[in-house]
Each structure stands twice: as C-alpha cells, then as structure tokens.
Amino acid sequence: MSSAVPVEITFEPIAPYYQPQLAVVSTGTPVRWVNPTASPHSVRHDDCLTDAMCAFQSIAVPPDSVFSIAPLPPGRYSYHCELHPIMRGLLIVIDPEVEAANFP
C-alpha cells in the first residue's frame, strides 16, 4: 500500500450519509471509509453492477471498523451502500500533473 496519508470518508447515520459525499483525491492516495455509527454499512463501486471494472467492494463494515482501498487510477468512481441503497457517494481521483497542464 502507498505511504501517502489516506483520505478518510466517514459513514454518517443521516444525509448525506458519506462525509464528504464528494471526495477528490490525488493519484497515489489511498482511501478509507470509517464507520463510527451503530450499524454496519458497505461500500460498492457502482460499476460492480455492470460489465465494467469493479474498482472496489467491501463486505459489511461493522461499527467502529474501517474499509481501506489502495490508490486508484484517475477517474470518477460513484459508489453506494448495498445495505442502505439511499447512501451514495462519489470519489474523484485526479492526476495533479495532468490537471496543472490543463491550466497554464
């Protein structure tokens, strides 16, 4: 796993359910979801439901536990909780060098 400090996304018992609901991270940054709630939750990349690449999928994350993923390639990764489908989030991975080149 990367030596970069992970970005944390917290499960919340009320809307927007993932905090932050929209997380933007740089390439090379691991991500972890933290569950401080009293209920189990999960994290499933929406593409796992299609023929596309499934970038990440957790089992039920128990209270006071975490789910971590290794750094992902640049892209938009929408995800949801399989146990509570109303819970939805978006992870955007950017390459800072490419972004900087787009804004001279």
N, C-alpha and C. Protein backbone atom coordinates (compact mmCIF):
# COMPACT_ATOMS: atom_id res chain seq x y z
N MET A 1 0.84 -1.18 0.00
CA MET A 1 0.00 0.00 0.00
C MET A 1 0.88 1.24 0.00
N SER A 2 0.34 2.35 -0.47
CA SER A 2 1.08 3.60 -0.58
C SER A 2 1.47 4.13 0.79
N SER A 3 2.57 4.92 0.82
CA SER A 3 2.97 5.55 2.07
C SER A 3 2.25 6.88 2.27
N ALA A 4 1.44 7.29 1.29
CA ALA A 4 0.67 8.52 1.42
C ALA A 4 -0.38 8.37 2.52
N VAL A 5 -0.70 9.49 3.14
CA VAL A 5 -1.73 9.50 4.18
C VAL A 5 -3.09 9.28 3.51
N PRO A 6 -3.87 8.32 4.00
CA PRO A 6 -5.16 8.05 3.36
C PRO A 6 -6.15 9.19 3.58
N VAL A 7 -7.02 9.36 2.62
CA VAL A 7 -8.15 10.27 2.77
C VAL A 7 -9.25 9.47 3.45
N GLU A 8 -9.90 10.06 4.46
CA GLU A 8 -10.96 9.35 5.17
C GLU A 8 -12.33 9.86 4.76
N ILE A 9 -13.22 8.91 4.56
CA ILE A 9 -14.63 9.19 4.32
C ILE A 9 -15.38 8.50 5.44
N THR A 10 -16.25 9.24 6.11
CA THR A 10 -16.94 8.72 7.28
C THR A 10 -18.38 8.35 6.95
N PHE A 11 -18.81 7.16 7.38
CA PHE A 11 -20.22 6.80 7.29
C PHE A 11 -20.98 7.67 8.30
N GLU A 12 -22.12 8.20 7.88
CA GLU A 12 -22.95 9.03 8.76
C GLU A 12 -24.35 8.42 8.85
N PRO A 13 -25.03 8.53 10.00
CA PRO A 13 -26.37 7.96 10.13
C PRO A 13 -27.46 8.82 9.48
N ILE A 14 -27.12 10.04 9.06
CA ILE A 14 -28.09 10.93 8.40
C ILE A 14 -27.48 11.46 7.11
N ALA A 15 -28.33 12.03 6.25
CA ALA A 15 -27.86 12.57 4.97
C ALA A 15 -26.76 13.60 5.21
N PRO A 16 -25.72 13.59 4.42
CA PRO A 16 -25.54 12.90 3.15
C PRO A 16 -24.99 11.48 3.26
N TYR A 17 -24.90 10.92 4.44
CA TYR A 17 -24.54 9.52 4.71
C TYR A 17 -23.05 9.19 4.57
N TYR A 18 -22.38 9.77 3.58
CA TYR A 18 -20.93 9.66 3.49
C TYR A 18 -20.40 11.08 3.66
N GLN A 19 -19.40 11.25 4.50
CA GLN A 19 -18.87 12.58 4.73
C GLN A 19 -17.38 12.58 4.46
N PRO A 20 -16.88 13.23 3.41
CA PRO A 20 -17.65 14.01 2.46
C PRO A 20 -18.36 13.11 1.44
N GLN A 21 -19.45 13.60 0.92
CA GLN A 21 -20.20 12.85 -0.09
C GLN A 21 -19.45 12.85 -1.42
N LEU A 22 -18.74 13.94 -1.70
CA LEU A 22 -17.89 14.06 -2.88
C LEU A 22 -16.46 14.24 -2.38
N ALA A 23 -15.62 13.26 -2.63
CA ALA A 23 -14.22 13.33 -2.22
C ALA A 23 -13.34 13.38 -3.45
N VAL A 24 -12.44 14.36 -3.50
CA VAL A 24 -11.49 14.50 -4.60
C VAL A 24 -10.10 14.22 -4.02
N VAL A 25 -9.43 13.23 -4.60
CA VAL A 25 -8.10 12.84 -4.13
C VAL A 25 -7.13 12.80 -5.30
N SER A 26 -5.86 12.95 -4.98
CA SER A 26 -4.80 12.86 -5.99
C SER A 26 -4.42 11.40 -6.21
N THR A 27 -3.92 11.11 -7.41
CA THR A 27 -3.41 9.77 -7.67
C THR A 27 -2.36 9.44 -6.62
N GLY A 28 -2.28 8.19 -6.25
CA GLY A 28 -1.32 7.76 -5.24
C GLY A 28 -1.83 7.85 -3.82
N THR A 29 -3.07 8.33 -3.65
CA THR A 29 -3.63 8.49 -2.31
C THR A 29 -4.60 7.35 -2.00
N PRO A 30 -4.32 6.59 -0.94
CA PRO A 30 -5.28 5.56 -0.55
C PRO A 30 -6.51 6.21 0.09
N VAL A 31 -7.60 5.47 0.12
CA VAL A 31 -8.85 5.97 0.69
C VAL A 31 -9.35 4.95 1.71
N ARG A 32 -9.92 5.46 2.79
CA ARG A 32 -10.53 4.54 3.74
C ARG A 32 -11.83 5.12 4.25
N TRP A 33 -12.80 4.23 4.39
CA TRP A 33 -14.11 4.58 4.93
C TRP A 33 -14.13 4.14 6.39
N VAL A 34 -14.57 5.03 7.26
CA VAL A 34 -14.60 4.81 8.70
C VAL A 34 -16.05 4.73 9.15
N ASN A 35 -16.37 3.71 9.95
CA ASN A 35 -17.75 3.54 10.41
C ASN A 35 -17.87 3.78 11.92
N PRO A 36 -18.21 5.03 12.32
CA PRO A 36 -18.44 5.30 13.73
C PRO A 36 -19.90 5.10 14.15
N THR A 37 -20.74 4.65 13.21
CA THR A 37 -22.18 4.50 13.50
C THR A 37 -22.44 3.19 14.25
N ALA A 38 -23.68 3.02 14.66
CA ALA A 38 -24.08 1.80 15.37
C ALA A 38 -24.50 0.68 14.43
N SER A 39 -24.51 0.95 13.11
CA SER A 39 -24.96 -0.04 12.12
C SER A 39 -23.84 -0.40 11.16
N PRO A 40 -23.88 -1.62 10.61
CA PRO A 40 -22.93 -1.95 9.55
C PRO A 40 -23.32 -1.23 8.26
N HIS A 41 -22.32 -0.92 7.44
CA HIS A 41 -22.51 -0.30 6.14
C HIS A 41 -21.53 -0.93 5.17
N SER A 42 -21.72 -0.68 3.89
CA SER A 42 -20.78 -1.20 2.90
C SER A 42 -20.42 -0.11 1.90
N VAL A 43 -19.44 -0.41 1.06
CA VAL A 43 -19.00 0.49 0.00
C VAL A 43 -18.87 -0.36 -1.25
N ARG A 44 -19.66 -0.03 -2.28
CA ARG A 44 -19.59 -0.80 -3.53
C ARG A 44 -19.55 0.16 -4.71
N HIS A 45 -18.48 0.07 -5.48
CA HIS A 45 -18.36 0.86 -6.71
C HIS A 45 -19.53 0.50 -7.61
N ASP A 46 -20.21 1.51 -8.16
CA ASP A 46 -21.40 1.25 -8.98
C ASP A 46 -21.10 0.38 -10.20
N ASP A 47 -19.87 0.46 -10.73
CA ASP A 47 -19.53 -0.35 -11.90
C ASP A 47 -19.47 -1.85 -11.59
N CYS A 48 -19.48 -2.21 -10.32
CA CYS A 48 -19.52 -3.63 -9.97
C CYS A 48 -20.83 -4.26 -10.41
N LEU A 49 -21.83 -3.43 -10.69
CA LEU A 49 -23.14 -3.91 -11.12
C LEU A 49 -23.25 -4.02 -12.63
N THR A 50 -22.16 -3.68 -13.35
CA THR A 50 -22.16 -3.72 -14.81
C THR A 50 -21.03 -4.63 -15.29
N ASP A 51 -20.79 -4.59 -16.58
CA ASP A 51 -19.68 -5.35 -17.14
C ASP A 51 -18.37 -4.58 -17.06
N ALA A 52 -18.41 -3.37 -16.53
CA ALA A 52 -17.19 -2.55 -16.39
C ALA A 52 -16.34 -3.08 -15.23
N MET A 53 -15.16 -2.46 -15.05
CA MET A 53 -14.25 -2.88 -13.99
C MET A 53 -14.80 -2.50 -12.61
N CYS A 54 -14.82 -3.46 -11.72
CA CYS A 54 -15.24 -3.22 -10.34
C CYS A 54 -14.01 -2.76 -9.57
N ALA A 55 -13.94 -1.45 -9.24
CA ALA A 55 -12.73 -0.88 -8.63
C ALA A 55 -12.61 -1.20 -7.14
N PHE A 56 -13.75 -1.31 -6.44
CA PHE A 56 -13.71 -1.62 -5.01
C PHE A 56 -15.07 -2.09 -4.54
N GLN A 57 -15.05 -2.97 -3.55
CA GLN A 57 -16.28 -3.51 -2.97
C GLN A 57 -15.94 -4.07 -1.60
N SER A 58 -16.68 -3.62 -0.60
CA SER A 58 -16.43 -4.11 0.76
C SER A 58 -17.48 -5.14 1.15
N ILE A 59 -17.17 -5.86 2.18
CA ILE A 59 -18.20 -6.62 2.87
C ILE A 59 -18.87 -5.62 3.81
N ALA A 60 -19.81 -6.04 4.61
CA ALA A 60 -20.41 -5.13 5.59
C ALA A 60 -19.32 -4.68 6.57
N VAL A 61 -19.17 -3.37 6.71
CA VAL A 61 -18.18 -2.80 7.61
C VAL A 61 -18.86 -2.61 8.97
N PRO A 62 -18.45 -3.39 9.98
CA PRO A 62 -19.10 -3.29 11.29
C PRO A 62 -18.85 -1.93 11.96
N PRO A 63 -19.66 -1.60 12.96
CA PRO A 63 -19.41 -0.38 13.73
C PRO A 63 -17.97 -0.37 14.26
N ASP A 64 -17.40 0.82 14.32
CA ASP A 64 -16.03 1.03 14.82
C ASP A 64 -14.97 0.29 14.01
N SER A 65 -15.23 0.15 12.70
CA SER A 65 -14.28 -0.51 11.80
C SER A 65 -14.04 0.37 10.57
N VAL A 66 -13.06 -0.05 9.77
CA VAL A 66 -12.73 0.70 8.55
C VAL A 66 -12.63 -0.24 7.36
N PHE A 67 -12.80 0.33 6.17
CA PHE A 67 -12.56 -0.36 4.92
C PHE A 67 -11.60 0.52 4.12
N SER A 68 -10.47 -0.05 3.71
CA SER A 68 -9.44 0.71 3.00
C SER A 68 -9.22 0.15 1.62
N ILE A 69 -8.87 1.08 0.69
CA ILE A 69 -8.51 0.66 -0.67
C ILE A 69 -7.18 1.30 -1.03
N ALA A 70 -6.47 0.63 -1.91
CA ALA A 70 -5.21 1.15 -2.44
C ALA A 70 -5.53 2.30 -3.40
N PRO A 71 -4.52 3.11 -3.73
CA PRO A 71 -4.74 4.19 -4.68
C PRO A 71 -5.32 3.68 -6.00
N LEU A 72 -6.18 4.51 -6.57
CA LEU A 72 -6.85 4.18 -7.83
C LEU A 72 -6.32 5.06 -8.96
N PRO A 73 -6.49 4.61 -10.21
CA PRO A 73 -6.12 5.47 -11.34
C PRO A 73 -7.11 6.64 -11.45
N PRO A 74 -6.73 7.69 -12.16
CA PRO A 74 -7.65 8.82 -12.31
C PRO A 74 -8.99 8.38 -12.86
N GLY A 75 -10.05 9.02 -12.37
CA GLY A 75 -11.39 8.71 -12.83
C GLY A 75 -12.44 9.11 -11.82
N ARG A 76 -13.70 8.87 -12.19
CA ARG A 76 -14.85 9.14 -11.33
C ARG A 76 -15.40 7.80 -10.88
N TYR A 77 -15.54 7.63 -9.58
CA TYR A 77 -15.99 6.37 -9.01
C TYR A 77 -17.23 6.62 -8.13
N SER A 78 -18.40 6.44 -8.70
CA SER A 78 -19.61 6.55 -7.89
C SER A 78 -19.79 5.24 -7.13
N TYR A 79 -20.33 5.35 -5.91
CA TYR A 79 -20.47 4.17 -5.08
C TYR A 79 -21.69 4.29 -4.18
N HIS A 80 -22.04 3.19 -3.54
CA HIS A 80 -23.23 3.15 -2.68
C HIS A 80 -23.05 2.09 -1.59
N CYS A 81 -23.97 2.10 -0.64
CA CYS A 81 -24.03 1.08 0.41
C CYS A 81 -25.05 0.04 -0.03
N GLU A 82 -24.63 -1.20 -0.12
CA GLU A 82 -25.58 -2.26 -0.52
C GLU A 82 -26.65 -2.49 0.53
N LEU A 83 -26.33 -2.24 1.78
CA LEU A 83 -27.29 -2.45 2.87
C LEU A 83 -28.31 -1.32 2.97
N HIS A 84 -27.91 -0.13 2.53
CA HIS A 84 -28.76 1.06 2.60
C HIS A 84 -28.59 1.82 1.27
N PRO A 85 -29.29 1.41 0.21
CA PRO A 85 -29.06 1.98 -1.13
C PRO A 85 -29.25 3.50 -1.24
N ILE A 86 -29.90 4.11 -0.26
CA ILE A 86 -30.03 5.57 -0.29
C ILE A 86 -28.67 6.25 -0.06
N MET A 87 -27.74 5.53 0.53
CA MET A 87 -26.40 6.06 0.78
C MET A 87 -25.59 6.01 -0.51
N ARG A 88 -25.20 7.21 -1.01
CA ARG A 88 -24.46 7.29 -2.27
C ARG A 88 -23.34 8.30 -2.12
N GLY A 89 -22.21 8.02 -2.76
CA GLY A 89 -21.08 8.93 -2.73
C GLY A 89 -20.34 8.92 -4.05
N LEU A 90 -19.41 9.86 -4.18
CA LEU A 90 -18.61 9.96 -5.40
C LEU A 90 -17.17 10.24 -5.01
N LEU A 91 -16.27 9.42 -5.54
CA LEU A 91 -14.84 9.58 -5.35
C LEU A 91 -14.25 9.97 -6.70
N ILE A 92 -13.55 11.10 -6.74
CA ILE A 92 -12.89 11.54 -7.97
C ILE A 92 -11.39 11.52 -7.72
N VAL A 93 -10.69 10.79 -8.57
CA VAL A 93 -9.23 10.70 -8.47
C VAL A 93 -8.65 11.51 -9.62
N ILE A 94 -7.79 12.48 -9.28
CA ILE A 94 -7.18 13.33 -10.30
C ILE A 94 -5.67 13.16 -10.27
N ASP A 95 -5.06 13.39 -11.41
CA ASP A 95 -3.61 13.42 -11.51
C ASP A 95 -3.21 14.89 -11.50
N PRO A 96 -2.60 15.38 -10.40
CA PRO A 96 -2.29 16.81 -10.29
C PRO A 96 -1.42 17.33 -11.43
N GLU A 97 -0.52 16.51 -11.95
CA GLU A 97 0.34 16.95 -13.04
C GLU A 97 -0.46 17.19 -14.31
N VAL A 98 -1.41 16.31 -14.60
CA VAL A 98 -2.26 16.48 -15.77
C VAL A 98 -3.18 17.69 -15.58
N GLU A 99 -3.75 17.83 -14.38
CA GLU A 99 -4.62 18.98 -14.10
C GLU A 99 -3.85 20.29 -14.25
N ALA A 100 -2.62 20.35 -13.74
CA ALA A 100 -1.82 21.57 -13.84
C ALA A 100 -1.50 21.90 -15.29
N ALA A 101 -1.29 20.89 -16.12
CA ALA A 101 -1.00 21.11 -17.53
C ALA A 101 -2.21 21.67 -18.27
N ASN A 102 -3.41 21.41 -17.76
CA ASN A 102 -4.63 21.92 -18.39
C ASN A 102 -4.91 23.38 -18.06
N PHE A 103 -4.18 23.93 -17.07
CA PHE A 103 -4.39 25.32 -16.65
C PHE A 103 -3.05 26.05 -16.63
N PRO A 104 -2.60 26.49 -17.84
CA PRO A 104 -1.29 27.16 -17.92
C PRO A 104 -1.28 28.51 -17.22
